[in-house]
Amino acid sequence: MSSPIGIAGMGWLGVPLAQHLRLLGYPIKGSVTSLEKATQLQQSGFEVYSVTVSEEGMKGSVHAFLNHLETLIVMIPPGLRNNTGSDYVLKMTHFLKEIEASPVQKCVFISSTSVYGDGQGTVTEAAIPKPNHEAGRQLFQVEQLFFNARFRCSIVRFGGLIGGTRQPVRYLAGREALSGGEAPVNLIHRDDCIGILSAIVQQNAFGHIFNAVHPSHPLKKDYYHQKALEMNLSPPSFSKEQETSHKKVNSINVPSLLNYPFQRDL
């Protein structure tokens, strides 16, 4: 039997990833922040622990979760969108200390394309991120901490996540004079998130950086107009803007190192 794979953060992406990896024959250990959710997932047959990462340190069954793990997938979001002043770097430094004291030898850290600045233009994994928002700056710091830790770590920078009930046009429908209509979308379907993470595990592709973004980049004004029509919603409208550089995230490593073909269109 394969050694267990740990998933820190069994939520919208973590649960279906766990289900997929279990079908591939991997035992799964997971963590969530609430005891209630841990109990629910345990009833679904998963070995799940309640673990909380805070600025003060770790709470919950962190040692039981990390015990006997060789591979760990970390998908704990920064939660900085509401300008709460949260110190994500401090939180993840506490978690990293626990991981480095555990048996974990291989890790995947889930990051975001927000580490690239909005004005960087077309970027690949070869580009040095220049984040211009606080969430991106903290994420990039944590990426570096994990990438330079004692274990082999791959960083996966996901684009905007879609799939299931998550479709951004629901929040844009009917709105007017939105900015950024000339910008390309940088999106990825949840099924391809799962496919890429599974490929990293199966191919032992650790020690790399992956931009996990669908290679198709229609303009936001065109993409969200079409999606709104498909969903019988009122299309959003975008204001005209001056010529500016927009972020377009491509990947060299997903096709070349993983040989991964995207499964889901945008």
C-alpha atoms as a PDB file:
ATOM      1  CA  MET A   1       0.000   0.000   0.000  1.00  0.00           C
ATOM      2  CA  SER A   2       1.171   3.543  -0.744  1.00  0.00           C
ATOM      3  CA  SER A   3       2.086   5.759   2.193  1.00  0.00           C
ATOM      4  CA  PRO A   4      -0.606   8.267   3.196  1.00  0.00           C
ATOM      5  CA  ILE A   5      -0.852  11.667   1.524  1.00  0.00           C
ATOM      6  CA  GLY A   6      -1.751  14.561   3.787  1.00  0.00           C
ATOM      7  CA  ILE A   7      -4.068  17.344   2.620  1.00  0.00           C
ATOM      8  CA  ALA A   8      -3.965  20.397   4.869  1.00  0.00           C
ATOM      9  CA  GLY A   9      -7.225  22.158   4.111  1.00  0.00           C
ATOM     10  CA  MET A  10      -9.973  19.791   2.974  1.00  0.00           C
ATOM     11  CA  GLY A  11     -12.432  22.270   1.499  1.00  0.00           C
ATOM     12  CA  TRP A  12     -13.835  23.084  -1.950  1.00  0.00           C
ATOM     13  CA  LEU A  13     -10.738  21.665  -3.673  1.00  0.00           C
ATOM     14  CA  GLY A  14      -9.270  19.460  -0.955  1.00  0.00           C
ATOM     15  CA  VAL A  15     -12.235  17.094  -0.598  1.00  0.00           C
ATOM     16  CA  PRO A  16     -12.597  16.155  -4.305  1.00  0.00           C
ATOM     17  CA  LEU A  17      -8.799  15.905  -4.528  1.00  0.00           C
ATOM     18  CA  ALA A  18      -8.845  13.476  -1.612  1.00  0.00           C
ATOM     19  CA  GLN A  19     -11.602  11.442  -3.278  1.00  0.00           C
ATOM     20  CA  HIS A  20      -9.607  11.272  -6.525  1.00  0.00           C
ATOM     21  CA  LEU A  21      -6.322  10.306  -4.857  1.00  0.00           C
ATOM     22  CA  ARG A  22      -8.134   7.633  -2.854  1.00  0.00           C
ATOM     23  CA  LEU A  23      -9.446   6.162  -6.106  1.00  0.00           C
ATOM     24  CA  LEU A  24      -5.833   6.041  -7.321  1.00  0.00           C
ATOM     25  CA  GLY A  25      -4.955   3.933  -4.295  1.00  0.00           C
ATOM     26  CA  TYR A  26      -3.468   6.499  -1.930  1.00  0.00           C
ATOM     27  CA  PRO A  27      -4.535   6.514   1.725  1.00  0.00           C
ATOM     28  CA  ILE A  28      -5.500  10.049   2.750  1.00  0.00           C
ATOM     29  CA  LYS A  29      -5.071  12.044   5.951  1.00  0.00           C
ATOM     30  CA  GLY A  30      -6.661  15.465   6.053  1.00  0.00           C
ATOM     31  CA  SER A  31      -7.022  18.529   8.222  1.00  0.00           C
ATOM     32  CA  VAL A  32      -9.830  21.055   8.623  1.00  0.00           C
ATOM     33  CA  THR A  33     -10.299  23.947  11.018  1.00  0.00           C
ATOM     34  CA  SER A  34     -13.437  22.748  12.805  1.00  0.00           C
ATOM     35  CA  LEU A  35     -14.098  19.625  14.827  1.00  0.00           C
ATOM     36  CA  GLU A  36     -17.611  19.443  13.345  1.00  0.00           C
ATOM     37  CA  LYS A  37     -16.315  19.270   9.770  1.00  0.00           C
ATOM     38  CA  ALA A  38     -13.645  16.772  10.803  1.00  0.00           C
ATOM     39  CA  THR A  39     -16.385  14.525  12.189  1.00  0.00           C
ATOM     40  CA  GLN A  40     -18.432  14.822   8.983  1.00  0.00           C
ATOM     41  CA  LEU A  41     -15.453  13.828   6.813  1.00  0.00           C
ATOM     42  CA  GLN A  42     -14.565  10.974   9.162  1.00  0.00           C
ATOM     43  CA  GLN A  43     -18.067   9.625   8.558  1.00  0.00           C
ATOM     44  CA  SER A  44     -17.205   9.649   4.834  1.00  0.00           C
ATOM     45  CA  GLY A  45     -14.280   7.334   5.524  1.00  0.00           C
ATOM     46  CA  PHE A  46     -11.420   9.852   5.685  1.00  0.00           C
ATOM     47  CA  GLU A  47      -8.881  10.146   8.473  1.00  0.00           C
ATOM     48  CA  VAL A  48      -9.340  13.837   9.273  1.00  0.00           C
ATOM     49  CA  TYR A  49      -8.067  15.974  12.133  1.00  0.00           C
ATOM     50  CA  SER A  50      -9.003  19.383  13.437  1.00  0.00           C
ATOM     51  CA  VAL A  51      -5.981  21.685  13.021  1.00  0.00           C
ATOM     52  CA  THR A  52      -5.937  25.482  13.236  1.00  0.00           C
ATOM     53  CA  VAL A  53      -3.072  27.674  12.077  1.00  0.00           C
ATOM     54  CA  SER A  54      -3.018  31.059  13.808  1.00  0.00           C
ATOM     55  CA  GLU A  55      -0.606  33.895  14.427  1.00  0.00           C
ATOM     56  CA  GLU A  56      -0.186  32.601  17.978  1.00  0.00           C
ATOM     57  CA  GLY A  57       0.761  29.108  16.815  1.00  0.00           C
ATOM     58  CA  MET A  58      -0.811  25.740  16.081  1.00  0.00           C
ATOM     59  CA  LYS A  59      -3.927  24.378  17.741  1.00  0.00           C
ATOM     60  CA  GLY A  60      -5.513  20.963  17.502  1.00  0.00           C
ATOM     61  CA  SER A  61      -4.185  17.558  16.480  1.00  0.00           C
ATOM     62  CA  VAL A  62      -1.268  18.721  14.329  1.00  0.00           C
ATOM     63  CA  HIS A  63       1.107  15.956  15.457  1.00  0.00           C
ATOM     64  CA  ALA A  64      -1.445  13.210  14.835  1.00  0.00           C
ATOM     65  CA  PHE A  65      -2.134  14.683  11.391  1.00  0.00           C
ATOM     66  CA  LEU A  66       1.527  14.906  10.325  1.00  0.00           C
ATOM     67  CA  ASN A  67       2.581  11.589  11.870  1.00  0.00           C
ATOM     68  CA  HIS A  68       3.580   8.910   9.301  1.00  0.00           C
ATOM     69  CA  LEU A  69       3.193  11.330   6.376  1.00  0.00           C
ATOM     70  CA  GLU A  70       5.764  11.319   3.581  1.00  0.00           C
ATOM     71  CA  THR A  71       3.851  13.645   1.224  1.00  0.00           C
ATOM     72  CA  LEU A  72       1.876  16.735   2.209  1.00  0.00           C
ATOM     73  CA  ILE A  73      -0.301  19.065   0.112  1.00  0.00           C
ATOM     74  CA  VAL A  74      -0.808  22.449   1.772  1.00  0.00           C
ATOM     75  CA  MET A  75      -3.830  24.438   0.630  1.00  0.00           C
ATOM     76  CA  ILE A  76      -4.408  26.971   3.396  1.00  0.00           C
ATOM     77  CA  PRO A  77      -5.468  30.287   1.824  1.00  0.00           C
ATOM     78  CA  PRO A  78      -4.159  33.628   3.077  1.00  0.00           C
ATOM     79  CA  GLY A  79      -7.639  35.023   3.749  1.00  0.00           C
ATOM     80  CA  LEU A  80      -6.380  38.560   3.165  1.00  0.00           C
ATOM     81  CA  ARG A  81      -9.028  39.881   0.787  1.00  0.00           C
ATOM     82  CA  ASN A  82     -10.925  41.739   3.499  1.00  0.00           C
ATOM     83  CA  ASN A  83      -7.862  43.703   4.647  1.00  0.00           C
ATOM     84  CA  THR A  84      -8.010  42.100   8.074  1.00  0.00           C
ATOM     85  CA  GLY A  85      -4.339  42.768   8.735  1.00  0.00           C
ATOM     86  CA  SER A  86      -3.769  39.045   9.123  1.00  0.00           C
ATOM     87  CA  ASP A  87      -0.126  37.954   9.143  1.00  0.00           C
ATOM     88  CA  TYR A  88      -0.155  34.940   6.814  1.00  0.00           C
ATOM     89  CA  VAL A  89       3.629  34.696   6.845  1.00  0.00           C
ATOM     90  CA  LEU A  90       3.664  34.339  10.636  1.00  0.00           C
ATOM     91  CA  LYS A  91       0.877  31.743  10.554  1.00  0.00           C
ATOM     92  CA  MET A  92       2.613  29.603   7.950  1.00  0.00           C
ATOM     93  CA  THR A  93       5.986  29.953   9.687  1.00  0.00           C
ATOM     94  CA  HIS A  94       4.421  28.216  12.692  1.00  0.00           C
ATOM     95  CA  PHE A  95       3.041  25.453  10.461  1.00  0.00           C
ATOM     96  CA  LEU A  96       6.317  25.071   8.577  1.00  0.00           C
ATOM     97  CA  LYS A  97       8.163  24.525  11.850  1.00  0.00           C
ATOM     98  CA  GLU A  98       5.828  21.632  12.661  1.00  0.00           C
ATOM     99  CA  ILE A  99       6.179  20.167   9.167  1.00  0.00           C
ATOM    100  CA  GLU A 100       9.975  20.289   9.316  1.00  0.00           C
ATOM    101  CA  ALA A 101       9.875  18.408  12.618  1.00  0.00           C
ATOM    102  CA  SER A 102       7.654  15.714  11.068  1.00  0.00           C
ATOM    103  CA  PRO A 103       8.456  12.781   8.729  1.00  0.00           C
ATOM    104  CA  VAL A 104       7.284  14.779   5.657  1.00  0.00           C
ATOM    105  CA  GLN A 105       9.783  14.499   2.789  1.00  0.00           C
ATOM    106  CA  LYS A 106       7.760  15.938  -0.122  1.00  0.00           C
ATOM    107  CA  CYS A 107       5.354  18.844  -0.218  1.00  0.00           C
ATOM    108  CA  VAL A 108       3.098  20.736  -2.604  1.00  0.00           C
ATOM    109  CA  PHE A 109       2.325  24.283  -1.554  1.00  0.00           C
ATOM    110  CA  ILE A 110      -0.764  25.787  -3.184  1.00  0.00           C
ATOM    111  CA  SER A 111      -0.225  29.392  -4.132  1.00  0.00           C
ATOM    112  CA  SER A 112      -1.858  31.769  -6.588  1.00  0.00           C
ATOM    113  CA  THR A 113      -1.103  33.795  -9.681  1.00  0.00           C
ATOM    114  CA  SER A 114      -1.625  36.849  -7.444  1.00  0.00           C
ATOM    115  CA  VAL A 115       2.127  36.668  -6.774  1.00  0.00           C
ATOM    116  CA  TYR A 116       2.548  38.247 -10.226  1.00  0.00           C
ATOM    117  CA  GLY A 117       1.913  41.973 -10.474  1.00  0.00           C
ATOM    118  CA  ASP A 118      -0.974  43.246 -12.581  1.00  0.00           C
ATOM    119  CA  GLY A 119       1.432  45.110 -14.842  1.00  0.00           C
ATOM    120  CA  GLN A 120       3.924  42.312 -15.465  1.00  0.00           C
ATOM    121  CA  GLY A 121       2.396  41.407 -18.833  1.00  0.00           C
ATOM    122  CA  THR A 122       2.896  37.854 -20.074  1.00  0.00           C
ATOM    123  CA  VAL A 123       4.661  35.707 -17.482  1.00  0.00           C
ATOM    124  CA  THR A 124       5.808  32.107 -17.118  1.00  0.00           C
ATOM    125  CA  GLU A 125       7.476  30.292 -14.239  1.00  0.00           C
ATOM    126  CA  ALA A 126      10.740  31.895 -15.373  1.00  0.00           C
ATOM    127  CA  ALA A 127       9.478  35.366 -14.380  1.00  0.00           C
ATOM    128  CA  ILE A 128      10.313  36.757 -10.954  1.00  0.00           C
ATOM    129  CA  PRO A 129       7.024  37.680  -9.252  1.00  0.00           C
ATOM    130  CA  LYS A 130       6.502  41.353  -8.482  1.00  0.00           C
ATOM    131  CA  PRO A 131       3.272  41.370  -6.486  1.00  0.00           C
ATOM    132  CA  ASN A 132       1.514  44.688  -6.028  1.00  0.00           C
ATOM    133  CA  HIS A 133      -1.074  43.583  -3.467  1.00  0.00           C
ATOM    134  CA  GLU A 134      -0.579  42.518   0.145  1.00  0.00           C
ATOM    135  CA  ALA A 135      -1.984  39.008  -0.379  1.00  0.00           C
ATOM    136  CA  GLY A 136       0.435  38.440  -3.262  1.00  0.00           C
ATOM    137  CA  ARG A 137       3.391  39.765  -1.299  1.00  0.00           C
ATOM    138  CA  GLN A 138       2.701  37.492   1.667  1.00  0.00           C
ATOM    139  CA  LEU A 139       2.047  34.490  -0.573  1.00  0.00           C
ATOM    140  CA  PHE A 140       5.374  35.005  -2.340  1.00  0.00           C
ATOM    141  CA  GLN A 141       7.174  35.166   1.002  1.00  0.00           C
ATOM    142  CA  VAL A 142       5.572  31.919   2.118  1.00  0.00           C
ATOM    143  CA  GLU A 143       6.393  30.296  -1.238  1.00  0.00           C
ATOM    144  CA  GLN A 144      10.052  31.058  -0.627  1.00  0.00           C
ATOM    145  CA  LEU A 145       9.939  29.687   2.916  1.00  0.00           C
ATOM    146  CA  PHE A 146       8.452  26.388   1.733  1.00  0.00           C
ATOM    147  CA  PHE A 147      10.596  26.105  -1.404  1.00  0.00           C
ATOM    148  CA  ASN A 148      13.767  26.486   0.673  1.00  0.00           C
ATOM    149  CA  ALA A 149      12.687  24.168   3.495  1.00  0.00           C
ATOM    150  CA  ARG A 150      14.414  20.859   4.274  1.00  0.00           C
ATOM    151  CA  PHE A 151      11.912  18.823   2.211  1.00  0.00           C
ATOM    152  CA  ARG A 152      11.414  18.823  -1.567  1.00  0.00           C
ATOM    153  CA  CYS A 153       8.622  21.230  -2.396  1.00  0.00           C
ATOM    154  CA  SER A 154       6.728  22.133  -5.531  1.00  0.00           C
ATOM    155  CA  ILE A 155       4.849  25.416  -5.704  1.00  0.00           C
ATOM    156  CA  VAL A 156       1.572  25.426  -7.652  1.00  0.00           C
ATOM    157  CA  ARG A 157       0.244  28.851  -8.611  1.00  0.00           C
ATOM    158  CA  PHE A 158      -3.418  28.430  -9.480  1.00  0.00           C
ATOM    159  CA  GLY A 159      -5.301  30.947 -11.576  1.00  0.00           C
ATOM    160  CA  GLY A 160      -8.869  31.898 -10.728  1.00  0.00           C
ATOM    161  CA  LEU A 161     -10.757  28.767  -9.715  1.00  0.00           C
ATOM    162  CA  ILE A 162     -13.955  27.745 -11.489  1.00  0.00           C
ATOM    163  CA  GLY A 163     -16.087  24.617 -11.362  1.00  0.00           C
ATOM    164  CA  GLY A 164     -19.059  23.277  -9.460  1.00  0.00           C
ATOM    165  CA  THR A 165     -21.074  26.255  -8.262  1.00  0.00           C
ATOM    166  CA  ARG A 166     -18.044  28.538  -8.496  1.00  0.00           C
ATOM    167  CA  GLN A 167     -18.476  30.716 -11.564  1.00  0.00           C
ATOM    168  CA  PRO A 168     -17.327  34.338 -11.154  1.00  0.00           C
ATOM    169  CA  VAL A 169     -19.872  35.698 -13.627  1.00  0.00           C
ATOM    170  CA  ARG A 170     -22.586  35.153 -10.984  1.00  0.00           C
ATOM    171  CA  TYR A 171     -21.051  38.040  -9.013  1.00  0.00           C
ATOM    172  CA  LEU A 172     -20.556  40.225 -12.077  1.00  0.00           C
ATOM    173  CA  ALA A 173     -23.936  39.772 -13.760  1.00  0.00           C
ATOM    174  CA  GLY A 174     -25.724  43.024 -14.461  1.00  0.00           C
ATOM    175  CA  ARG A 175     -22.964  45.222 -13.091  1.00  0.00           C
ATOM    176  CA  GLU A 176     -21.891  48.227 -15.130  1.00  0.00           C
ATOM    177  CA  ALA A 177     -18.690  50.142 -15.892  1.00  0.00           C
ATOM    178  CA  LEU A 178     -16.439  47.408 -14.530  1.00  0.00           C
ATOM    179  CA  SER A 179     -12.704  47.868 -14.997  1.00  0.00           C
ATOM    180  CA  GLY A 180     -10.276  45.425 -16.603  1.00  0.00           C
ATOM    181  CA  GLY A 181     -12.381  44.389 -19.576  1.00  0.00           C
ATOM    182  CA  GLU A 182      -9.348  44.342 -21.860  1.00  0.00           C
ATOM    183  CA  ALA A 183      -7.419  42.057 -19.511  1.00  0.00           C
ATOM    184  CA  PRO A 184      -7.088  38.348 -20.351  1.00  0.00           C
ATOM    185  CA  VAL A 185      -8.623  35.824 -17.986  1.00  0.00           C
ATOM    186  CA  ASN A 186      -6.300  33.522 -16.042  1.00  0.00           C
ATOM    187  CA  LEU A 187      -8.592  30.699 -14.962  1.00  0.00           C
ATOM    188  CA  ILE A 188      -8.521  26.969 -14.257  1.00  0.00           C
ATOM    189  CA  HIS A 189     -11.283  24.428 -13.696  1.00  0.00           C
ATOM    190  CA  ARG A 190     -11.273  22.435 -10.471  1.00  0.00           C
ATOM    191  CA  ASP A 191     -10.990  19.161 -12.415  1.00  0.00           C
ATOM    192  CA  ASP A 192      -7.698  20.354 -13.915  1.00  0.00           C
ATOM    193  CA  CYS A 193      -6.471  21.472 -10.480  1.00  0.00           C
ATOM    194  CA  ILE A 194      -7.030  17.909  -9.331  1.00  0.00           C
ATOM    195  CA  GLY A 195      -5.406  16.496 -12.470  1.00  0.00           C
ATOM    196  CA  ILE A 196      -2.267  18.617 -12.097  1.00  0.00           C
ATOM    197  CA  LEU A 197      -1.845  17.893  -8.388  1.00  0.00           C
ATOM    198  CA  SER A 198      -2.339  14.173  -9.008  1.00  0.00           C
ATOM    199  CA  ALA A 199       0.258  14.276 -11.807  1.00  0.00           C
ATOM    200  CA  ILE A 200       2.803  15.901  -9.480  1.00  0.00           C
ATOM    201  CA  VAL A 201       2.271  13.160  -6.902  1.00  0.00           C
ATOM    202  CA  GLN A 202       2.265  10.294  -9.379  1.00  0.00           C
ATOM    203  CA  GLN A 203       5.291  11.556 -11.313  1.00  0.00           C
ATOM    204  CA  ASN A 204       7.225  12.553  -8.186  1.00  0.00           C
ATOM    205  CA  ALA A 205       7.578  16.027  -9.698  1.00  0.00           C
ATOM    206  CA  PHE A 206       8.792  17.851  -6.611  1.00  0.00           C
ATOM    207  CA  GLY A 207      11.191  20.783  -6.493  1.00  0.00           C
ATOM    208  CA  HIS A 208       9.479  22.792  -9.243  1.00  0.00           C
ATOM    209  CA  ILE A 209       7.197  25.791  -9.739  1.00  0.00           C
ATOM    210  CA  PHE A 210       4.021  25.302 -11.774  1.00  0.00           C
ATOM    211  CA  ASN A 211       1.731  27.979 -13.151  1.00  0.00           C
ATOM    212  CA  ALA A 212      -1.553  26.080 -13.201  1.00  0.00           C
ATOM    213  CA  VAL A 213      -3.661  28.156 -15.586  1.00  0.00           C
ATOM    214  CA  HIS A 214      -5.702  27.126 -18.617  1.00  0.00           C
ATOM    215  CA  PRO A 215      -3.786  28.058 -21.797  1.00  0.00           C
ATOM    216  CA  SER A 216      -6.825  29.874 -23.229  1.00  0.00           C
ATOM    217  CA  HIS A 217      -6.971  33.580 -22.311  1.00  0.00           C
ATOM    218  CA  PRO A 218     -10.030  35.336 -23.783  1.00  0.00           C
ATOM    219  CA  LEU A 219     -10.547  38.958 -22.758  1.00  0.00           C
ATOM    220  CA  LYS A 220     -12.609  39.401 -19.602  1.00  0.00           C
ATOM    221  CA  LYS A 221     -15.250  41.498 -21.393  1.00  0.00           C
ATOM    222  CA  ASP A 222     -15.788  38.758 -23.990  1.00  0.00           C
ATOM    223  CA  TYR A 223     -15.541  35.784 -21.627  1.00  0.00           C
ATOM    224  CA  TYR A 224     -17.959  37.084 -18.993  1.00  0.00           C
ATOM    225  CA  HIS A 225     -20.414  38.348 -21.593  1.00  0.00           C
ATOM    226  CA  GLN A 226     -20.576  34.874 -23.135  1.00  0.00           C
ATOM    227  CA  LYS A 227     -20.772  33.099 -19.766  1.00  0.00           C
ATOM    228  CA  ALA A 228     -23.612  35.358 -18.642  1.00  0.00           C
ATOM    229  CA  LEU A 229     -25.599  34.527 -21.777  1.00  0.00           C
ATOM    230  CA  GLU A 230     -24.962  30.790 -21.286  1.00  0.00           C
ATOM    231  CA  MET A 231     -26.296  31.028 -17.727  1.00  0.00           C
ATOM    232  CA  ASN A 232     -29.278  33.240 -18.646  1.00  0.00           C
ATOM    233  CA  LEU A 233     -27.850  36.133 -16.641  1.00  0.00           C
ATOM    234  CA  SER A 234     -27.630  39.795 -17.505  1.00  0.00           C
ATOM    235  CA  PRO A 235     -24.157  40.375 -19.008  1.00  0.00           C
ATOM    236  CA  PRO A 236     -21.864  42.787 -17.178  1.00  0.00           C
ATOM    237  CA  SER A 237     -20.521  45.839 -18.978  1.00  0.00           C
ATOM    238  CA  PHE A 238     -16.965  47.127 -18.843  1.00  0.00           C
ATOM    239  CA  SER A 239     -15.714  50.680 -19.133  1.00  0.00           C
ATOM    240  CA  LYS A 240     -13.303  51.663 -21.864  1.00  0.00           C
ATOM    241  CA  GLU A 241      -9.766  52.016 -20.611  1.00  0.00           C
ATOM    242  CA  GLN A 242      -6.492  53.507 -21.674  1.00  0.00           C
ATOM    243  CA  GLU A 243      -3.776  51.277 -23.100  1.00  0.00           C
ATOM    244  CA  THR A 244      -2.202  49.366 -20.232  1.00  0.00           C
ATOM    245  CA  SER A 245      -0.262  46.195 -19.573  1.00  0.00           C
ATOM    246  CA  HIS A 246      -2.277  43.265 -18.248  1.00  0.00           C
ATOM    247  CA  LYS A 247      -1.173  40.080 -16.548  1.00  0.00           C
ATOM    248  CA  LYS A 248      -1.316  36.963 -18.706  1.00  0.00           C
ATOM    249  CA  VAL A 249      -0.079  33.825 -16.967  1.00  0.00           C
ATOM    250  CA  ASN A 250       1.284  30.966 -19.062  1.00  0.00           C
ATOM    251  CA  SER A 251       3.054  27.771 -18.082  1.00  0.00           C
ATOM    252  CA  ILE A 252       6.216  26.170 -19.375  1.00  0.00           C
ATOM    253  CA  ASN A 253       6.426  23.470 -16.707  1.00  0.00           C
ATOM    254  CA  VAL A 254       2.903  22.014 -16.763  1.00  0.00           C
ATOM    255  CA  PRO A 255       3.226  20.806 -20.384  1.00  0.00           C
ATOM    256  CA  SER A 256       6.983  20.120 -20.390  1.00  0.00           C
ATOM    257  CA  LEU A 257       7.530  18.495 -16.972  1.00  0.00           C
ATOM    258  CA  LEU A 258       4.128  16.910 -16.375  1.00  0.00           C
ATOM    259  CA  ASN A 259       3.022  16.439 -19.987  1.00  0.00           C
ATOM    260  CA  TYR A 260      -0.424  17.322 -18.710  1.00  0.00           C
ATOM    261  CA  PRO A 261      -3.260  17.901 -21.219  1.00  0.00           C
ATOM    262  CA  PHE A 262      -6.021  20.151 -19.889  1.00  0.00           C
ATOM    263  CA  GLN A 263      -9.308  18.297 -19.592  1.00  0.00           C
ATOM    264  CA  ARG A 264     -11.859  21.083 -19.165  1.00  0.00           C
ATOM    265  CA  ASP A 265     -12.554  24.112 -21.321  1.00  0.00           C
ATOM    266  CA  LEU A 266     -13.250  27.423 -19.654  1.00  0.00           C
END
